Amino acid sequence: MEQVFTTVSSKGQLVIPIAIREAMGIEPGTRVAVRIEGAELILRPQTQDATRQVIEKLCGSTAGGFSMSDELIADRRAEDAKAGW
């Protein structure tokens, strides 16, 4: 998408152009997260689709890694063995 310009109002409000709202699924009432990264202002809509993308990105990110459950079970079994259970 090409760069689009908008102006901040005297109340600090910013109008997001319709083409961007439609592309990002932003509707009236959509919450938007705002943060600064270096010299850039980042706006991230908190739509269901955006939330789903974050969840999908994280799914499986810990698969095959260290399991606290397995470690805890092993510790309990070792304690039981020491106690003669």
N, C-alpha and C. Protein backbone atom coordinates (compact mmCIF):
# COMPACT_ATOMS: atom_id res chain seq x y z
N MET A 1 0.85 -1.17 0.00
CA MET A 1 0.00 0.00 0.00
C MET A 1 0.90 1.24 0.00
N GLU A 2 0.51 2.21 -0.76
CA GLU A 2 1.31 3.44 -0.84
C GLU A 2 1.16 4.27 0.42
N GLN A 3 2.09 5.14 0.65
CA GLN A 3 2.09 6.02 1.82
C GLN A 3 0.94 7.01 1.72
N VAL A 4 0.23 7.21 2.82
CA VAL A 4 -0.90 8.13 2.88
C VAL A 4 -0.65 9.11 4.02
N PHE A 5 -1.05 10.35 3.83
CA PHE A 5 -0.84 11.37 4.86
C PHE A 5 -2.16 11.78 5.50
N THR A 6 -2.10 12.09 6.78
CA THR A 6 -3.24 12.58 7.53
C THR A 6 -2.71 13.63 8.51
N THR A 7 -3.59 14.37 9.15
CA THR A 7 -3.18 15.46 10.04
C THR A 7 -3.76 15.24 11.43
N VAL A 8 -2.97 15.54 12.43
CA VAL A 8 -3.42 15.45 13.82
C VAL A 8 -4.23 16.70 14.14
N SER A 9 -5.41 16.51 14.75
CA SER A 9 -6.27 17.64 15.09
C SER A 9 -5.76 18.36 16.33
N SER A 10 -6.37 19.51 16.64
CA SER A 10 -5.97 20.28 17.82
C SER A 10 -6.24 19.49 19.11
N LYS A 11 -7.12 18.49 19.06
CA LYS A 11 -7.41 17.64 20.21
C LYS A 11 -6.49 16.41 20.26
N GLY A 12 -5.55 16.32 19.33
CA GLY A 12 -4.63 15.17 19.29
C GLY A 12 -5.21 13.96 18.59
N GLN A 13 -6.32 14.14 17.89
CA GLN A 13 -6.96 13.03 17.19
C GLN A 13 -6.36 12.84 15.80
N LEU A 14 -6.37 11.61 15.36
CA LEU A 14 -5.80 11.25 14.07
C LEU A 14 -6.83 10.46 13.29
N VAL A 15 -7.11 10.85 12.07
CA VAL A 15 -8.05 10.12 11.22
C VAL A 15 -7.26 9.10 10.42
N ILE A 16 -7.68 7.84 10.54
CA ILE A 16 -7.04 6.78 9.75
C ILE A 16 -7.82 6.67 8.45
N PRO A 17 -7.16 6.86 7.31
CA PRO A 17 -7.86 6.83 6.02
C PRO A 17 -8.62 5.51 5.81
N ILE A 18 -9.73 5.60 5.11
CA ILE A 18 -10.62 4.45 4.92
C ILE A 18 -9.92 3.24 4.29
N ALA A 19 -9.04 3.47 3.33
CA ALA A 19 -8.35 2.35 2.68
C ALA A 19 -7.54 1.56 3.70
N ILE A 20 -6.92 2.24 4.65
CA ILE A 20 -6.12 1.57 5.68
C ILE A 20 -7.05 0.88 6.67
N ARG A 21 -8.13 1.55 7.07
CA ARG A 21 -9.09 0.93 8.00
C ARG A 21 -9.66 -0.36 7.41
N GLU A 22 -10.02 -0.32 6.15
CA GLU A 22 -10.57 -1.51 5.51
C GLU A 22 -9.53 -2.62 5.40
N ALA A 23 -8.32 -2.27 5.03
CA ALA A 23 -7.25 -3.27 4.88
C ALA A 23 -6.91 -3.93 6.21
N MET A 24 -7.02 -3.18 7.31
CA MET A 24 -6.64 -3.68 8.63
C MET A 24 -7.84 -4.18 9.45
N GLY A 25 -9.04 -4.07 8.90
CA GLY A 25 -10.23 -4.54 9.61
C GLY A 25 -10.61 -3.67 10.79
N ILE A 26 -10.27 -2.39 10.71
CA ILE A 26 -10.58 -1.46 11.79
C ILE A 26 -11.98 -0.90 11.59
N GLU A 27 -12.82 -1.12 12.61
CA GLU A 27 -14.20 -0.64 12.57
C GLU A 27 -14.40 0.30 13.76
N PRO A 28 -15.50 1.07 13.78
CA PRO A 28 -15.76 1.92 14.94
C PRO A 28 -15.73 1.10 16.23
N GLY A 29 -15.01 1.58 17.22
CA GLY A 29 -14.90 0.88 18.49
C GLY A 29 -13.69 -0.03 18.61
N THR A 30 -12.96 -0.23 17.51
CA THR A 30 -11.77 -1.08 17.55
C THR A 30 -10.70 -0.44 18.42
N ARG A 31 -10.16 -1.20 19.37
CA ARG A 31 -9.06 -0.70 20.19
C ARG A 31 -7.78 -0.75 19.36
N VAL A 32 -6.93 0.25 19.54
CA VAL A 32 -5.67 0.33 18.81
C VAL A 32 -4.53 0.52 19.82
N ALA A 33 -3.56 -0.37 19.80
CA ALA A 33 -2.39 -0.24 20.66
C ALA A 33 -1.43 0.73 19.99
N VAL A 34 -0.84 1.62 20.78
CA VAL A 34 0.06 2.65 20.26
C VAL A 34 1.37 2.56 21.02
N ARG A 35 2.49 2.53 20.28
CA ARG A 35 3.80 2.53 20.93
C ARG A 35 4.82 3.23 20.06
N ILE A 36 5.96 3.56 20.65
CA ILE A 36 7.05 4.21 19.93
C ILE A 36 8.17 3.20 19.75
N GLU A 37 8.69 3.12 18.54
CA GLU A 37 9.87 2.31 18.23
C GLU A 37 10.86 3.23 17.54
N GLY A 38 11.87 3.65 18.30
CA GLY A 38 12.83 4.61 17.75
C GLY A 38 12.13 5.91 17.42
N ALA A 39 12.19 6.29 16.15
CA ALA A 39 11.55 7.53 15.71
C ALA A 39 10.20 7.28 15.04
N GLU A 40 9.66 6.05 15.21
CA GLU A 40 8.40 5.71 14.56
C GLU A 40 7.28 5.50 15.57
N LEU A 41 6.09 5.87 15.18
CA LEU A 41 4.89 5.64 15.96
C LEU A 41 4.22 4.41 15.36
N ILE A 42 4.01 3.38 16.17
CA ILE A 42 3.42 2.13 15.68
C ILE A 42 2.00 2.02 16.21
N LEU A 43 1.04 1.82 15.30
CA LEU A 43 -0.36 1.61 15.65
C LEU A 43 -0.70 0.17 15.31
N ARG A 44 -1.23 -0.58 16.27
CA ARG A 44 -1.58 -1.98 16.02
C ARG A 44 -3.03 -2.20 16.45
N PRO A 45 -3.93 -2.44 15.47
CA PRO A 45 -5.33 -2.66 15.83
C PRO A 45 -5.48 -3.97 16.61
N GLN A 46 -6.35 -3.94 17.61
CA GLN A 46 -6.59 -5.11 18.43
C GLN A 46 -7.88 -5.79 17.98
N THR A 47 -7.90 -6.19 16.72
CA THR A 47 -9.07 -6.87 16.14
C THR A 47 -8.96 -8.36 16.43
N GLN A 48 -10.04 -9.08 16.26
CA GLN A 48 -10.02 -10.53 16.45
C GLN A 48 -9.02 -11.17 15.50
N ASP A 49 -8.97 -10.66 14.27
CA ASP A 49 -8.05 -11.21 13.28
C ASP A 49 -6.60 -10.99 13.71
N ALA A 50 -6.30 -9.80 14.21
CA ALA A 50 -4.94 -9.50 14.67
C ALA A 50 -4.57 -10.38 15.86
N THR A 51 -5.52 -10.56 16.78
CA THR A 51 -5.29 -11.42 17.94
C THR A 51 -5.05 -12.85 17.49
N ARG A 52 -5.84 -13.32 16.54
CA ARG A 52 -5.69 -14.68 16.01
C ARG A 52 -4.31 -14.86 15.39
N GLN A 53 -3.83 -13.85 14.67
CA GLN A 53 -2.51 -13.94 14.04
C GLN A 53 -1.41 -14.07 15.09
N VAL A 54 -1.52 -13.33 16.18
CA VAL A 54 -0.53 -13.41 17.26
C VAL A 54 -0.55 -14.80 17.88
N ILE A 55 -1.75 -15.32 18.13
CA ILE A 55 -1.87 -16.65 18.73
C ILE A 55 -1.29 -17.71 17.80
N GLU A 56 -1.60 -17.63 16.51
CA GLU A 56 -1.07 -18.59 15.55
C GLU A 56 0.45 -18.52 15.47
N LYS A 57 0.98 -17.31 15.60
CA LYS A 57 2.42 -17.12 15.56
C LYS A 57 3.09 -17.80 16.76
N LEU A 58 2.42 -17.76 17.92
CA LEU A 58 2.97 -18.33 19.14
C LEU A 58 2.74 -19.84 19.27
N CYS A 59 1.71 -20.36 18.59
CA CYS A 59 1.40 -21.79 18.70
C CYS A 59 2.61 -22.63 18.31
N GLY A 60 2.94 -23.55 19.17
CA GLY A 60 4.05 -24.46 18.89
C GLY A 60 5.42 -23.88 19.18
N SER A 61 5.46 -22.64 19.65
CA SER A 61 6.77 -22.01 19.87
C SER A 61 7.54 -22.65 21.02
N THR A 62 6.83 -23.37 21.89
CA THR A 62 7.53 -24.04 22.99
C THR A 62 7.54 -25.56 22.83
N ALA A 63 7.04 -26.05 21.72
CA ALA A 63 6.98 -27.49 21.49
C ALA A 63 8.38 -28.10 21.51
N GLY A 64 8.46 -29.25 22.17
CA GLY A 64 9.74 -29.97 22.19
C GLY A 64 10.75 -29.40 23.16
N GLY A 65 10.35 -28.38 23.88
CA GLY A 65 11.27 -27.76 24.82
C GLY A 65 11.20 -28.40 26.20
N PHE A 66 11.77 -27.75 27.15
CA PHE A 66 11.82 -28.18 28.53
C PHE A 66 10.41 -28.25 29.12
N SER A 67 10.10 -29.32 29.84
CA SER A 67 8.79 -29.49 30.45
C SER A 67 8.90 -29.44 31.97
N MET A 68 8.34 -28.43 32.58
CA MET A 68 8.33 -28.34 34.03
C MET A 68 7.54 -29.48 34.65
N SER A 69 6.48 -29.92 33.98
CA SER A 69 5.68 -31.03 34.49
C SER A 69 6.51 -32.30 34.59
N ASP A 70 7.24 -32.62 33.51
CA ASP A 70 8.09 -33.82 33.52
C ASP A 70 9.15 -33.72 34.62
N GLU A 71 9.73 -32.56 34.80
CA GLU A 71 10.74 -32.35 35.83
C GLU A 71 10.15 -32.53 37.22
N LEU A 72 8.96 -31.99 37.45
CA LEU A 72 8.29 -32.11 38.74
C LEU A 72 7.95 -33.57 39.05
N ILE A 73 7.42 -34.28 38.06
CA ILE A 73 7.09 -35.70 38.25
C ILE A 73 8.34 -36.50 38.58
N ALA A 74 9.43 -36.25 37.88
CA ALA A 74 10.70 -36.95 38.14
C ALA A 74 11.18 -36.66 39.56
N ASP A 75 11.09 -35.42 40.01
CA ASP A 75 11.49 -35.05 41.37
C ASP A 75 10.64 -35.79 42.40
N ARG A 76 9.33 -35.84 42.18
CA ARG A 76 8.43 -36.52 43.12
C ARG A 76 8.74 -38.01 43.18
N ARG A 77 9.00 -38.62 42.05
CA ARG A 77 9.33 -40.05 42.03
C ARG A 77 10.64 -40.32 42.77
N ALA A 78 11.61 -39.42 42.59
CA ALA A 78 12.89 -39.58 43.28
C ALA A 78 12.69 -39.44 44.79
N GLU A 79 11.87 -38.50 45.22
CA GLU A 79 11.57 -38.34 46.64
C GLU A 79 10.85 -39.58 47.19
N ASP A 80 9.88 -40.10 46.42
CA ASP A 80 9.17 -41.32 46.85
C ASP A 80 10.14 -42.49 46.98
N ALA A 81 11.06 -42.61 46.06
CA ALA A 81 12.03 -43.72 46.10
C ALA A 81 12.91 -43.61 47.33
N LYS A 82 13.34 -42.39 47.67
CA LYS A 82 14.17 -42.18 48.86
C LYS A 82 13.39 -42.52 50.13
N ALA A 83 12.09 -42.22 50.11
CA ALA A 83 11.25 -42.46 51.29
C ALA A 83 10.81 -43.93 51.37
N GLY A 84 11.10 -44.71 50.34
CA GLY A 84 10.74 -46.13 50.34
C GLY A 84 9.32 -46.42 49.91
N TRP A 85 8.70 -45.51 49.20
CA TRP A 85 7.32 -45.72 48.75
C TRP A 85 7.31 -46.61 47.56
